[in-house]
Each structure stands twice: as structure tokens, then as C-alpha cells.
PDB file of N, CA and C in Angstrom:
ATOM      1  N   MET A   1     -10.167  -5.156  13.754  1.00  0.00           N
ATOM      2  CA  MET A   1     -10.851  -4.163  12.936  1.00  0.00           C
ATOM      3  C   MET A   1     -10.406  -2.781  13.388  1.00  0.00           C
ATOM      4  N   TYR A   2     -10.119  -1.958  12.467  1.00  0.00           N
ATOM      5  CA  TYR A   2      -9.699  -0.601  12.784  1.00  0.00           C
ATOM      6  C   TYR A   2     -10.913   0.306  12.838  1.00  0.00           C
ATOM      7  N   ALA A   3     -10.910   1.225  13.755  1.00  0.00           N
ATOM      8  CA  ALA A   3     -11.992   2.194  13.857  1.00  0.00           C
ATOM      9  C   ALA A   3     -11.605   3.442  13.082  1.00  0.00           C
ATOM     10  N   ILE A   4     -12.538   3.916  12.306  1.00  0.00           N
ATOM     11  CA  ILE A   4     -12.308   5.156  11.566  1.00  0.00           C
ATOM     12  C   ILE A   4     -13.299   6.174  12.104  1.00  0.00           C
ATOM     13  N   PHE A   5     -12.782   7.300  12.516  1.00  0.00           N
ATOM     14  CA  PHE A   5     -13.630   8.335  13.074  1.00  0.00           C
ATOM     15  C   PHE A   5     -13.748   9.473  12.077  1.00  0.00           C
ATOM     16  N   ARG A   6     -14.941   9.959  11.954  1.00  0.00           N
ATOM     17  CA  ARG A   6     -15.189  11.073  11.057  1.00  0.00           C
ATOM     18  C   ARG A   6     -15.863  12.161  11.870  1.00  0.00           C
ATOM     19  N   LEU A   7     -15.326  13.359  11.789  1.00  0.00           N
ATOM     20  CA  LEU A   7     -15.924  14.476  12.489  1.00  0.00           C
ATOM     21  C   LEU A   7     -17.015  15.078  11.613  1.00  0.00           C
ATOM     22  N   GLU A   8     -18.182  15.167  12.166  1.00  0.00           N
ATOM     23  CA  GLU A   8     -19.295  15.741  11.423  1.00  0.00           C
ATOM     24  C   GLU A   8     -19.807  16.959  12.182  1.00  0.00           C
ATOM     25  N   PRO A   9     -20.179  17.983  11.456  1.00  0.00           N
ATOM     26  CA  PRO A   9     -20.746  19.138  12.152  1.00  0.00           C
ATOM     27  C   PRO A   9     -22.086  18.741  12.768  1.00  0.00           C
ATOM     28  N   TRP A  10     -22.250  19.093  14.016  1.00  0.00           N
ATOM     29  CA  TRP A  10     -23.505  18.781  14.694  1.00  0.00           C
ATOM     30  C   TRP A  10     -24.500  19.904  14.447  1.00  0.00           C
ATOM     31  N   VAL A  11     -25.612  19.503  13.919  1.00  0.00           N
ATOM     32  CA  VAL A  11     -26.701  20.439  13.670  1.00  0.00           C
ATOM     33  C   VAL A  11     -27.719  20.237  14.790  1.00  0.00           C
ATOM     34  N   SER A  12     -28.310  21.313  15.222  1.00  0.00           N
ATOM     35  CA  SER A  12     -29.268  21.233  16.315  1.00  0.00           C
ATOM     36  C   SER A  12     -30.316  20.167  16.013  1.00  0.00           C
ATOM     37  N   GLY A  13     -30.427  19.185  16.918  1.00  0.00           N
ATOM     38  CA  GLY A  13     -31.418  18.130  16.769  1.00  0.00           C
ATOM     39  C   GLY A  13     -30.949  16.960  15.918  1.00  0.00           C
ATOM     40  N   ALA A  14     -29.788  17.031  15.284  1.00  0.00           N
ATOM     41  CA  ALA A  14     -29.307  15.937  14.440  1.00  0.00           C
ATOM     42  C   ALA A  14     -28.744  14.812  15.300  1.00  0.00           C
ATOM     43  N   LEU A  15     -28.929  13.590  14.852  1.00  0.00           N
ATOM     44  CA  LEU A  15     -28.411  12.428  15.556  1.00  0.00           C
ATOM     45  C   LEU A  15     -27.261  11.825  14.761  1.00  0.00           C
ATOM     46  N   PRO A  16     -26.314  11.162  15.419  1.00  0.00           N
ATOM     47  CA  PRO A  16     -25.258  10.473  14.686  1.00  0.00           C
ATOM     48  C   PRO A  16     -25.859   9.365  13.824  1.00  0.00           C
ATOM     49  N   SER A  17     -25.141   8.955  12.808  1.00  0.00           N
ATOM     50  CA  SER A  17     -25.614   7.927  11.886  1.00  0.00           C
ATOM     51  C   SER A  17     -25.907   6.636  12.626  1.00  0.00           C
ATOM     52  N   LEU A  18     -27.051   6.029  12.303  1.00  0.00           N
ATOM     53  CA  LEU A  18     -27.399   4.746  12.880  1.00  0.00           C
ATOM     54  C   LEU A  18     -26.746   3.613  12.087  1.00  0.00           C
ATOM     55  N   HIS A  19     -26.103   3.959  11.000  1.00  0.00           N
ATOM     56  CA  HIS A  19     -25.463   2.971  10.136  1.00  0.00           C
ATOM     57  C   HIS A  19     -23.949   3.153  10.175  1.00  0.00           C
ATOM     58  N   ALA A  20     -23.396   3.283  11.368  1.00  0.00           N
ATOM     59  CA  ALA A  20     -21.973   3.575  11.529  1.00  0.00           C
ATOM     60  C   ALA A  20     -21.104   2.480  10.915  1.00  0.00           C
ATOM     61  N   GLU A  21     -21.512   1.225  11.039  1.00  0.00           N
ATOM     62  CA  GLU A  21     -20.713   0.128  10.479  1.00  0.00           C
ATOM     63  C   GLU A  21     -20.680   0.202   8.961  1.00  0.00           C
ATOM     64  N   ALA A  22     -21.821   0.485   8.323  1.00  0.00           N
ATOM     65  CA  ALA A  22     -21.863   0.626   6.868  1.00  0.00           C
ATOM     66  C   ALA A  22     -21.047   1.837   6.430  1.00  0.00           C
ATOM     67  N   ASP A  23     -21.117   2.916   7.200  1.00  0.00           N
ATOM     68  CA  ASP A  23     -20.324   4.103   6.886  1.00  0.00           C
ATOM     69  C   ASP A  23     -18.825   3.789   6.973  1.00  0.00           C
ATOM     70  N   GLU A  24     -18.437   3.003   7.975  1.00  0.00           N
ATOM     71  CA  GLU A  24     -17.033   2.631   8.142  1.00  0.00           C
ATOM     72  C   GLU A  24     -16.554   1.797   6.948  1.00  0.00           C
ATOM     73  N   GLU A  25     -17.373   0.837   6.521  1.00  0.00           N
ATOM     74  CA  GLU A  25     -17.004   0.012   5.367  1.00  0.00           C
ATOM     75  C   GLU A  25     -16.864   0.866   4.110  1.00  0.00           C
ATOM     76  N   LYS A  26     -17.741   1.835   3.948  1.00  0.00           N
ATOM     77  CA  LYS A  26     -17.665   2.722   2.780  1.00  0.00           C
ATOM     78  C   LYS A  26     -16.370   3.528   2.812  1.00  0.00           C
ATOM     79  N   LEU A  27     -16.003   4.060   3.991  1.00  0.00           N
ATOM     80  CA  LEU A  27     -14.766   4.815   4.108  1.00  0.00           C
ATOM     81  C   LEU A  27     -13.557   3.942   3.826  1.00  0.00           C
ATOM     82  N   LEU A  28     -13.576   2.690   4.331  1.00  0.00           N
ATOM     83  CA  LEU A  28     -12.462   1.785   4.082  1.00  0.00           C
ATOM     84  C   LEU A  28     -12.325   1.468   2.604  1.00  0.00           C
ATOM     85  N   SER A  29     -13.442   1.212   1.918  1.00  0.00           N
ATOM     86  CA  SER A  29     -13.362   0.881   0.496  1.00  0.00           C
ATOM     87  C   SER A  29     -12.922   2.080  -0.332  1.00  0.00           C
ATOM     88  N   GLU A  30     -13.307   3.280   0.077  1.00  0.00           N
ATOM     89  CA  GLU A  30     -12.898   4.480  -0.653  1.00  0.00           C
ATOM     90  C   GLU A  30     -11.421   4.786  -0.433  1.00  0.00           C
ATOM     91  N   SER A  31     -10.850   4.313   0.665  1.00  0.00           N
ATOM     92  CA  SER A  31      -9.465   4.630   0.968  1.00  0.00           C
ATOM     93  C   SER A  31      -8.511   3.558   0.454  1.00  0.00           C
ATOM     94  N   ARG A  32      -8.997   2.583  -0.294  1.00  0.00           N
ATOM     95  CA  ARG A  32      -8.158   1.519  -0.841  1.00  0.00           C
ATOM     96  C   ARG A  32      -7.888   1.786  -2.313  1.00  0.00           C
ATOM     97  N   ILE A  33      -6.681   1.405  -2.744  1.00  0.00           N
ATOM     98  CA  ILE A  33      -6.323   1.552  -4.146  1.00  0.00           C
ATOM     99  C   ILE A  33      -5.791   0.221  -4.660  1.00  0.00           C
ATOM    100  N   SER A  34      -5.772   0.063  -5.968  1.00  0.00           N
ATOM    101  CA  SER A  34      -5.315  -1.173  -6.585  1.00  0.00           C
ATOM    102  C   SER A  34      -4.051  -0.914  -7.397  1.00  0.00           C
ATOM    103  N   ILE A  35      -3.043  -1.760  -7.197  1.00  0.00           N
ATOM    104  CA  ILE A  35      -1.828  -1.721  -7.995  1.00  0.00           C
ATOM    105  C   ILE A  35      -1.564  -3.146  -8.468  1.00  0.00           C
ATOM    106  N   THR A  36      -0.589  -3.316  -9.346  1.00  0.00           N
ATOM    107  CA  THR A  36      -0.189  -4.671  -9.725  1.00  0.00           C
ATOM    108  C   THR A  36       1.254  -4.898  -9.301  1.00  0.00           C
ATOM    109  N   VAL A  37       1.502  -6.083  -8.769  1.00  0.00           N
ATOM    110  CA  VAL A  37       2.853  -6.507  -8.409  1.00  0.00           C
ATOM    111  C   VAL A  37       3.106  -7.791  -9.186  1.00  0.00           C
ATOM    112  N   ASN A  38       4.048  -7.738 -10.104  1.00  0.00           N
ATOM    113  CA  ASN A  38       4.345  -8.882 -10.975  1.00  0.00           C
ATOM    114  C   ASN A  38       3.080  -9.397 -11.661  1.00  0.00           C
ATOM    115  N   ASP A  39       2.320  -8.464 -12.217  1.00  0.00           N
ATOM    116  CA  ASP A  39       1.087  -8.732 -12.976  1.00  0.00           C
ATOM    117  C   ASP A  39      -0.047  -9.330 -12.142  1.00  0.00           C
ATOM    118  N   ARG A  40       0.043  -9.240 -10.808  1.00  0.00           N
ATOM    119  CA  ARG A  40      -1.057  -9.677  -9.949  1.00  0.00           C
ATOM    120  C   ARG A  40      -1.623  -8.474  -9.218  1.00  0.00           C
ATOM    121  N   PRO A  41      -2.950  -8.333  -9.175  1.00  0.00           N
ATOM    122  CA  PRO A  41      -3.538  -7.183  -8.478  1.00  0.00           C
ATOM    123  C   PRO A  41      -3.365  -7.290  -6.964  1.00  0.00           C
ATOM    124  N   VAL A  42      -3.083  -6.142  -6.357  1.00  0.00           N
ATOM    125  CA  VAL A  42      -2.952  -6.048  -4.901  1.00  0.00           C
ATOM    126  C   VAL A  42      -3.739  -4.827  -4.453  1.00  0.00           C
ATOM    127  N   GLN A  43      -4.613  -5.002  -3.473  1.00  0.00           N
ATOM    128  CA  GLN A  43      -5.385  -3.905  -2.900  1.00  0.00           C
ATOM    129  C   GLN A  43      -4.685  -3.439  -1.631  1.00  0.00           C
ATOM    130  N   VAL A  44      -4.407  -2.142  -1.556  1.00  0.00           N
ATOM    131  CA  VAL A  44      -3.735  -1.584  -0.381  1.00  0.00           C
ATOM    132  C   VAL A  44      -4.469  -0.335   0.073  1.00  0.00           C
ATOM    133  N   ALA A  45      -4.255   0.030   1.305  1.00  0.00           N
ATOM    134  CA  ALA A  45      -4.827   1.273   1.830  1.00  0.00           C
ATOM    135  C   ALA A  45      -4.103   2.456   1.206  1.00  0.00           C
ATOM    136  N   ASN A  46      -4.833   3.508   0.957  1.00  0.00           N
ATOM    137  CA  ASN A  46      -4.226   4.733   0.446  1.00  0.00           C
ATOM    138  C   ASN A  46      -3.167   5.194   1.442  1.00  0.00           C
ATOM    139  N   GLY A  47      -1.977   5.534   0.966  1.00  0.00           N
ATOM    140  CA  GLY A  47      -0.893   5.950   1.841  1.00  0.00           C
ATOM    141  C   GLY A  47       0.093   4.843   2.155  1.00  0.00           C
ATOM    142  N   THR A  48      -0.125   3.643   1.597  1.00  0.00           N
ATOM    143  CA  THR A  48       0.780   2.517   1.810  1.00  0.00           C
ATOM    144  C   THR A  48       2.005   2.663   0.922  1.00  0.00           C
ATOM    145  N   ASN A  49       3.203   2.349   1.449  1.00  0.00           N
ATOM    146  CA  ASN A  49       4.370   2.425   0.583  1.00  0.00           C
ATOM    147  C   ASN A  49       4.490   1.149  -0.251  1.00  0.00           C
ATOM    148  N   VAL A  50       5.253   1.231  -1.327  1.00  0.00           N
ATOM    149  CA  VAL A  50       5.354   0.135  -2.290  1.00  0.00           C
ATOM    150  C   VAL A  50       5.970  -1.108  -1.648  1.00  0.00           C
ATOM    151  N   ALA A  51       6.912  -0.945  -0.740  1.00  0.00           N
ATOM    152  CA  ALA A  51       7.544  -2.093  -0.084  1.00  0.00           C
ATOM    153  C   ALA A  51       6.504  -2.951   0.642  1.00  0.00           C
ATOM    154  N   VAL A  52       5.575  -2.324   1.306  1.00  0.00           N
ATOM    155  CA  VAL A  52       4.522  -3.057   2.015  1.00  0.00           C
ATOM    156  C   VAL A  52       3.630  -3.786   1.016  1.00  0.00           C
ATOM    157  N   ALA A  53       3.303  -3.153  -0.098  1.00  0.00           N
ATOM    158  CA  ALA A  53       2.478  -3.795  -1.117  1.00  0.00           C
ATOM    159  C   ALA A  53       3.177  -5.029  -1.679  1.00  0.00           C
ATOM    160  N   VAL A  54       4.488  -4.931  -1.888  1.00  0.00           N
ATOM    161  CA  VAL A  54       5.247  -6.087  -2.388  1.00  0.00           C
ATOM    162  C   VAL A  54       5.204  -7.214  -1.360  1.00  0.00           C
ATOM    163  N   LEU A  55       5.404  -6.897  -0.092  1.00  0.00           N
ATOM    164  CA  LEU A  55       5.343  -7.921   0.946  1.00  0.00           C
ATOM    165  C   LEU A  55       3.945  -8.532   1.037  1.00  0.00           C
ATOM    166  N   MET A  56       2.901  -7.706   0.865  1.00  0.00           N
ATOM    167  CA  MET A  56       1.530  -8.206   0.885  1.00  0.00           C
ATOM    168  C   MET A  56       1.272  -9.171  -0.265  1.00  0.00           C
ATOM    169  N   SER A  57       1.961  -8.965  -1.384  1.00  0.00           N
ATOM    170  CA  SER A  57       1.777  -9.837  -2.547  1.00  0.00           C
ATOM    171  C   SER A  57       2.445 -11.191  -2.356  1.00  0.00           C
ATOM    172  N   GLY A  58       3.334 -11.287  -1.363  1.00  0.00           N
ATOM    173  CA  GLY A  58       4.037 -12.539  -1.115  1.00  0.00           C
ATOM    174  C   GLY A  58       5.348 -12.657  -1.871  1.00  0.00           C
ATOM    175  N   ASP A  59       5.728 -11.627  -2.602  1.00  0.00           N
ATOM    176  CA  ASP A  59       6.977 -11.630  -3.361  1.00  0.00           C
ATOM    177  C   ASP A  59       8.097 -10.978  -2.565  1.00  0.00           C
ATOM    178  N   SER A  60       9.330 -11.237  -2.986  1.00  0.00           N
ATOM    179  CA  SER A  60      10.477 -10.510  -2.433  1.00  0.00           C
ATOM    180  C   SER A  60      10.755  -9.343  -3.376  1.00  0.00           C
ATOM    181  N   CYS A  61      11.474  -8.371  -2.899  1.00  0.00           N
ATOM    182  CA  CYS A  61      11.763  -7.205  -3.733  1.00  0.00           C
ATOM    183  C   CYS A  61      12.748  -7.542  -4.849  1.00  0.00           C
ATOM    184  N   ARG A  62      13.763  -8.305  -4.511  1.00  0.00           N
ATOM    185  CA  ARG A  62      14.761  -8.667  -5.508  1.00  0.00           C
ATOM    186  C   ARG A  62      15.444  -9.953  -5.083  1.00  0.00           C
ATOM    187  N   VAL A  63      16.346 -10.440  -5.924  1.00  0.00           N
ATOM    188  CA  VAL A  63      17.094 -11.654  -5.634  1.00  0.00           C
ATOM    189  C   VAL A  63      18.575 -11.291  -5.657  1.00  0.00           C
ATOM    190  N   SER A  64      19.331 -11.740  -4.649  1.00  0.00           N
ATOM    191  CA  SER A  64      20.762 -11.433  -4.576  1.00  0.00           C
ATOM    192  C   SER A  64      21.532 -12.219  -5.645  1.00  0.00           C
ATOM    193  N   VAL A  65      22.794 -11.908  -5.788  1.00  0.00           N
ATOM    194  CA  VAL A  65      23.657 -12.604  -6.747  1.00  0.00           C
ATOM    195  C   VAL A  65      23.703 -14.099  -6.436  1.00  0.00           C
ATOM    196  N   GLU A  66      23.617 -14.440  -5.158  1.00  0.00           N
ATOM    197  CA  GLU A  66      23.624 -15.851  -4.750  1.00  0.00           C
ATOM    198  C   GLU A  66      22.258 -16.516  -4.876  1.00  0.00           C
ATOM    199  N   GLY A  67      21.235 -15.757  -5.296  1.00  0.00           N
ATOM    200  CA  GLY A  67      19.898 -16.314  -5.466  1.00  0.00           C
ATOM    201  C   GLY A  67      19.005 -16.220  -4.250  1.00  0.00           C
ATOM    202  N   GLU A  68      19.410 -15.463  -3.243  1.00  0.00           N
ATOM    203  CA  GLU A  68      18.604 -15.308  -2.031  1.00  0.00           C
ATOM    204  C   GLU A  68      17.573 -14.202  -2.208  1.00  0.00           C
ATOM    205  N   ALA A  69      16.363 -14.444  -1.713  1.00  0.00           N
ATOM    206  CA  ALA A  69      15.315 -13.427  -1.751  1.00  0.00           C
ATOM    207  C   ALA A  69      15.693 -12.275  -0.825  1.00  0.00           C
ATOM    208  N   ARG A  70      15.490 -11.063  -1.270  1.00  0.00           N
ATOM    209  CA  ARG A  70      15.823  -9.873  -0.479  1.00  0.00           C
ATOM    210  C   ARG A  70      14.547  -9.063  -0.244  1.00  0.00           C
ATOM    211  N   ALA A  71      14.487  -8.419   0.912  1.00  0.00           N
ATOM    212  CA  ALA A  71      13.331  -7.599   1.294  1.00  0.00           C
ATOM    213  C   ALA A  71      13.846  -6.343   1.983  1.00  0.00           C
ATOM    214  N   PRO A  72      12.975  -5.362   2.210  1.00  0.00           N
ATOM    215  CA  PRO A  72      13.406  -4.133   2.880  1.00  0.00           C
ATOM    216  C   PRO A  72      14.069  -4.443   4.223  1.00  0.00           C
ATOM    217  N   LEU A  73      15.154  -3.757   4.483  1.00  0.00           N
ATOM    218  CA  LEU A  73      15.883  -3.966   5.721  1.00  0.00           C
ATOM    219  C   LEU A  73      15.822  -2.721   6.604  1.00  0.00           C
ATOM    220  N   CYS A  74      16.186  -1.583   6.032  1.00  0.00           N
ATOM    221  CA  CYS A  74      16.284  -0.370   6.857  1.00  0.00           C
ATOM    222  C   CYS A  74      14.979   0.437   6.882  1.00  0.00           C
ATOM    223  N   GLY A  75      14.198   0.369   5.820  1.00  0.00           N
ATOM    224  CA  GLY A  75      12.946   1.115   5.762  1.00  0.00           C
ATOM    225  C   GLY A  75      13.112   2.610   5.562  1.00  0.00           C
ATOM    226  N   MET A  76      14.352   3.059   5.252  1.00  0.00           N
ATOM    227  CA  MET A  76      14.553   4.487   5.039  1.00  0.00           C
ATOM    228  C   MET A  76      15.402   4.783   3.801  1.00  0.00           C
ATOM    229  N   GLY A  77      15.549   3.794   2.910  1.00  0.00           N
ATOM    230  CA  GLY A  77      16.192   4.031   1.628  1.00  0.00           C
ATOM    231  C   GLY A  77      17.697   3.962   1.592  1.00  0.00           C
ATOM    232  N   ILE A  78      18.336   3.504   2.668  1.00  0.00           N
ATOM    233  CA  ILE A  78      19.795   3.463   2.707  1.00  0.00           C
ATOM    234  C   ILE A  78      20.341   2.110   2.242  1.00  0.00           C
ATOM    235  N   CYS A  79      19.697   1.014   2.625  1.00  0.00           N
ATOM    236  CA  CYS A  79      20.259  -0.317   2.364  1.00  0.00           C
ATOM    237  C   CYS A  79      20.099  -0.764   0.910  1.00  0.00           C
ATOM    238  N   MET A  80      19.143  -0.207   0.190  1.00  0.00           N
ATOM    239  CA  MET A  80      18.897  -0.516  -1.219  1.00  0.00           C
ATOM    240  C   MET A  80      18.393  -1.944  -1.451  1.00  0.00           C
ATOM    241  N   GLU A  81      17.974  -2.646  -0.402  1.00  0.00           N
ATOM    242  CA  GLU A  81      17.477  -4.017  -0.546  1.00  0.00           C
ATOM    243  C   GLU A  81      16.065  -4.066  -1.125  1.00  0.00           C
ATOM    244  N   CYS A  82      15.380  -2.955  -1.142  1.00  0.00           N
ATOM    245  CA  CYS A  82      13.974  -2.927  -1.560  1.00  0.00           C
ATOM    246  C   CYS A  82      13.789  -2.472  -3.002  1.00  0.00           C
ATOM    247  N   ARG A  83      14.841  -2.457  -3.793  1.00  0.00           N
ATOM    248  CA  ARG A  83      14.751  -1.931  -5.157  1.00  0.00           C
ATOM    249  C   ARG A  83      13.817  -2.759  -6.037  1.00  0.00           C
ATOM    250  N   VAL A  84      12.975  -2.072  -6.775  1.00  0.00           N
ATOM    251  CA  VAL A  84      12.028  -2.691  -7.709  1.00  0.00           C
ATOM    252  C   VAL A  84      11.928  -1.801  -8.951  1.00  0.00           C
ATOM    253  N   THR A  85      11.226  -2.304  -9.950  1.00  0.00           N
ATOM    254  CA  THR A  85      10.915  -1.505 -11.135  1.00  0.00           C
ATOM    255  C   THR A  85       9.477  -1.033 -11.001  1.00  0.00           C
ATOM    256  N   ILE A  86       9.269   0.270 -11.091  1.00  0.00           N
ATOM    257  CA  ILE A  86       7.928   0.848 -10.966  1.00  0.00           C
ATOM    258  C   ILE A  86       7.600   1.586 -12.250  1.00  0.00           C
ATOM    259  N   ASP A  87       6.520   1.153 -12.896  1.00  0.00           N
ATOM    260  CA  ASP A  87       6.066   1.755 -14.155  1.00  0.00           C
ATOM    261  C   ASP A  87       7.209   1.889 -15.162  1.00  0.00           C
ATOM    262  N   GLY A  88       8.036   0.844 -15.243  1.00  0.00           N
ATOM    263  CA  GLY A  88       9.118   0.807 -16.214  1.00  0.00           C
ATOM    264  C   GLY A  88      10.408   1.471 -15.789  1.00  0.00           C
ATOM    265  N   VAL A  89      10.437   2.114 -14.639  1.00  0.00           N
ATOM    266  CA  VAL A  89      11.646   2.773 -14.144  1.00  0.00           C
ATOM    267  C   VAL A  89      12.307   1.841 -13.125  1.00  0.00           C
ATOM    268  N   SER A  90      13.510   1.363 -13.447  1.00  0.00           N
ATOM    269  CA  SER A  90      14.178   0.395 -12.582  1.00  0.00           C
ATOM    270  C   SER A  90      14.895   1.069 -11.418  1.00  0.00           C
ATOM    271  N   GLN A  91      15.320   0.227 -10.476  1.00  0.00           N
ATOM    272  CA  GLN A  91      16.117   0.640  -9.317  1.00  0.00           C
ATOM    273  C   GLN A  91      15.420   1.663  -8.413  1.00  0.00           C
ATOM    274  N   GLN A  92      14.101   1.569  -8.295  1.00  0.00           N
ATOM    275  CA  GLN A  92      13.347   2.455  -7.411  1.00  0.00           C
ATOM    276  C   GLN A  92      13.342   1.872  -5.999  1.00  0.00           C
ATOM    277  N   ARG A  93      13.574   2.694  -5.001  1.00  0.00           N
ATOM    278  CA  ARG A  93      13.538   2.241  -3.613  1.00  0.00           C
ATOM    279  C   ARG A  93      12.081   2.204  -3.148  1.00  0.00           C
ATOM    280  N   SER A  94      11.544   0.994  -3.043  1.00  0.00           N
ATOM    281  CA  SER A  94      10.120   0.825  -2.761  1.00  0.00           C
ATOM    282  C   SER A  94       9.709   1.320  -1.386  1.00  0.00           C
ATOM    283  N   CYS A  95      10.638   1.367  -0.440  1.00  0.00           N
ATOM    284  CA  CYS A  95      10.280   1.821   0.905  1.00  0.00           C
ATOM    285  C   CYS A  95      10.094   3.337   0.959  1.00  0.00           C
ATOM    286  N   GLN A  96      10.491   4.035  -0.084  1.00  0.00           N
ATOM    287  CA  GLN A  96      10.422   5.489  -0.099  1.00  0.00           C
ATOM    288  C   GLN A  96       9.284   6.036  -0.952  1.00  0.00           C
ATOM    289  N   LEU A  97       8.534   5.164  -1.627  1.00  0.00           N
ATOM    290  CA  LEU A  97       7.489   5.614  -2.543  1.00  0.00           C
ATOM    291  C   LEU A  97       6.129   5.097  -2.120  1.00  0.00           C
ATOM    292  N   LEU A  98       5.128   5.966  -2.220  1.00  0.00           N
ATOM    293  CA  LEU A  98       3.760   5.567  -1.905  1.00  0.00           C
ATOM    294  C   LEU A  98       3.093   4.968  -3.128  1.00  0.00           C
ATOM    295  N   CYS A  99       2.213   4.022  -2.890  1.00  0.00           N
ATOM    296  CA  CYS A  99       1.453   3.412  -3.978  1.00  0.00           C
ATOM    297  C   CYS A  99       0.517   4.440  -4.595  1.00  0.00           C
ATOM    298  N   ALA A 100       0.346   4.342  -5.906  1.00  0.00           N
ATOM    299  CA  ALA A 100      -0.596   5.202  -6.632  1.00  0.00           C
ATOM    300  C   ALA A 100      -1.515   4.286  -7.430  1.00  0.00           C
ATOM    301  N   PRO A 101      -2.776   4.676  -7.615  1.00  0.00           N
ATOM    302  CA  PRO A 101      -3.707   3.839  -8.353  1.00  0.00           C
ATOM    303  C   PRO A 101      -3.155   3.465  -9.732  1.00  0.00           C
ATOM    304  N   GLY A 102      -3.228   2.168 -10.064  1.00  0.00           N
ATOM    305  CA  GLY A 102      -2.797   1.701 -11.370  1.00  0.00           C
ATOM    306  C   GLY A 102      -1.300   1.485 -11.502  1.00  0.00           C
ATOM    307  N   MET A 103      -0.544   1.657 -10.449  1.00  0.00           N
ATOM    308  CA  MET A 103       0.914   1.485 -10.490  1.00  0.00           C
ATOM    309  C   MET A 103       1.256   0.040 -10.831  1.00  0.00           C
ATOM    310  N   HIS A 104       2.295  -0.132 -11.658  1.00  0.00           N
ATOM    311  CA  HIS A 104       2.792  -1.468 -12.035  1.00  0.00           C
ATOM    312  C   HIS A 104       4.166  -1.660 -11.427  1.00  0.00           C
ATOM    313  N   VAL A 105       4.292  -2.665 -10.547  1.00  0.00           N
ATOM    314  CA  VAL A 105       5.548  -2.950  -9.862  1.00  0.00           C
ATOM    315  C   VAL A 105       6.051  -4.307 -10.333  1.00  0.00           C
ATOM    316  N   VAL A 106       7.345  -4.355 -10.672  1.00  0.00           N
ATOM    317  CA  VAL A 106       7.981  -5.618 -11.060  1.00  0.00           C
ATOM    318  C   VAL A 106       9.163  -5.817 -10.124  1.00  0.00           C
ATOM    319  N   THR A 107       9.208  -6.993  -9.501  1.00  0.00           N
ATOM    320  CA  THR A 107      10.307  -7.310  -8.591  1.00  0.00           C
ATOM    321  C   THR A 107      11.280  -8.232  -9.306  1.00  0.00           C
ATOM    322  N   GLY A 108      12.380  -8.516  -8.641  1.00  0.00           N
ATOM    323  CA  GLY A 108      13.315  -9.461  -9.251  1.00  0.00           C
ATOM    324  C   GLY A 108      14.661  -8.939  -9.189  1.00  0.00           C
TER     325      GLY A 108
END
């Protein structure tokens, strides 16, 4: 479990929240977004790149000419192994783009 810390202004006599676990769950749910990968919904943390979302979905980014599944290799946009179609735009490097709410990703 990841700890999320929130800085709150301390007011004289104020106590920290007694419901810290519920507050943490609320922050986690607010920081998650939903995208689709090959028409399947995937929930990811805000700030996640598309390559990670594709891997979370269990799909590969593309298939080689020989039929081998391909996935991100370099993680910095040079190898081009992570190319996907995002919102109808093909050949996007998934390791270089952050997920946005409602994004549609197609691999293959």
C-alpha cells in the first residue's frame, strides 16, 4: 500500500483527521483515470504513461512482421517498439504520452 501525505495548515487546537485511511482511499480514487485499451476499460493512476496502461491491460503494443508480440524496450521513444494508435492517430509512441481521461488506445 502506498502512503499519500497531504499537508494541511495547522489551526490552533485542530487535530489531524481521525479518518486518515478513508481520506487516503478518497485521494487514491480521485487520482485515478479511466481509458480504454482495445475496447477494454483500464483504470490507471493520474500521470501514468500509455505504455504502462497497455502493459496493465495484458496486451502487447504491436506485433512484429514475424508475428512476435512487441513491448516498450527503451522507455524514451527511440526504439519505436511501443507504437500504438491513440484516439485514431496511428504510430504514437506510448512511452512518451501520458494517459488522459477517456483516451482510446488500439494496439496491434
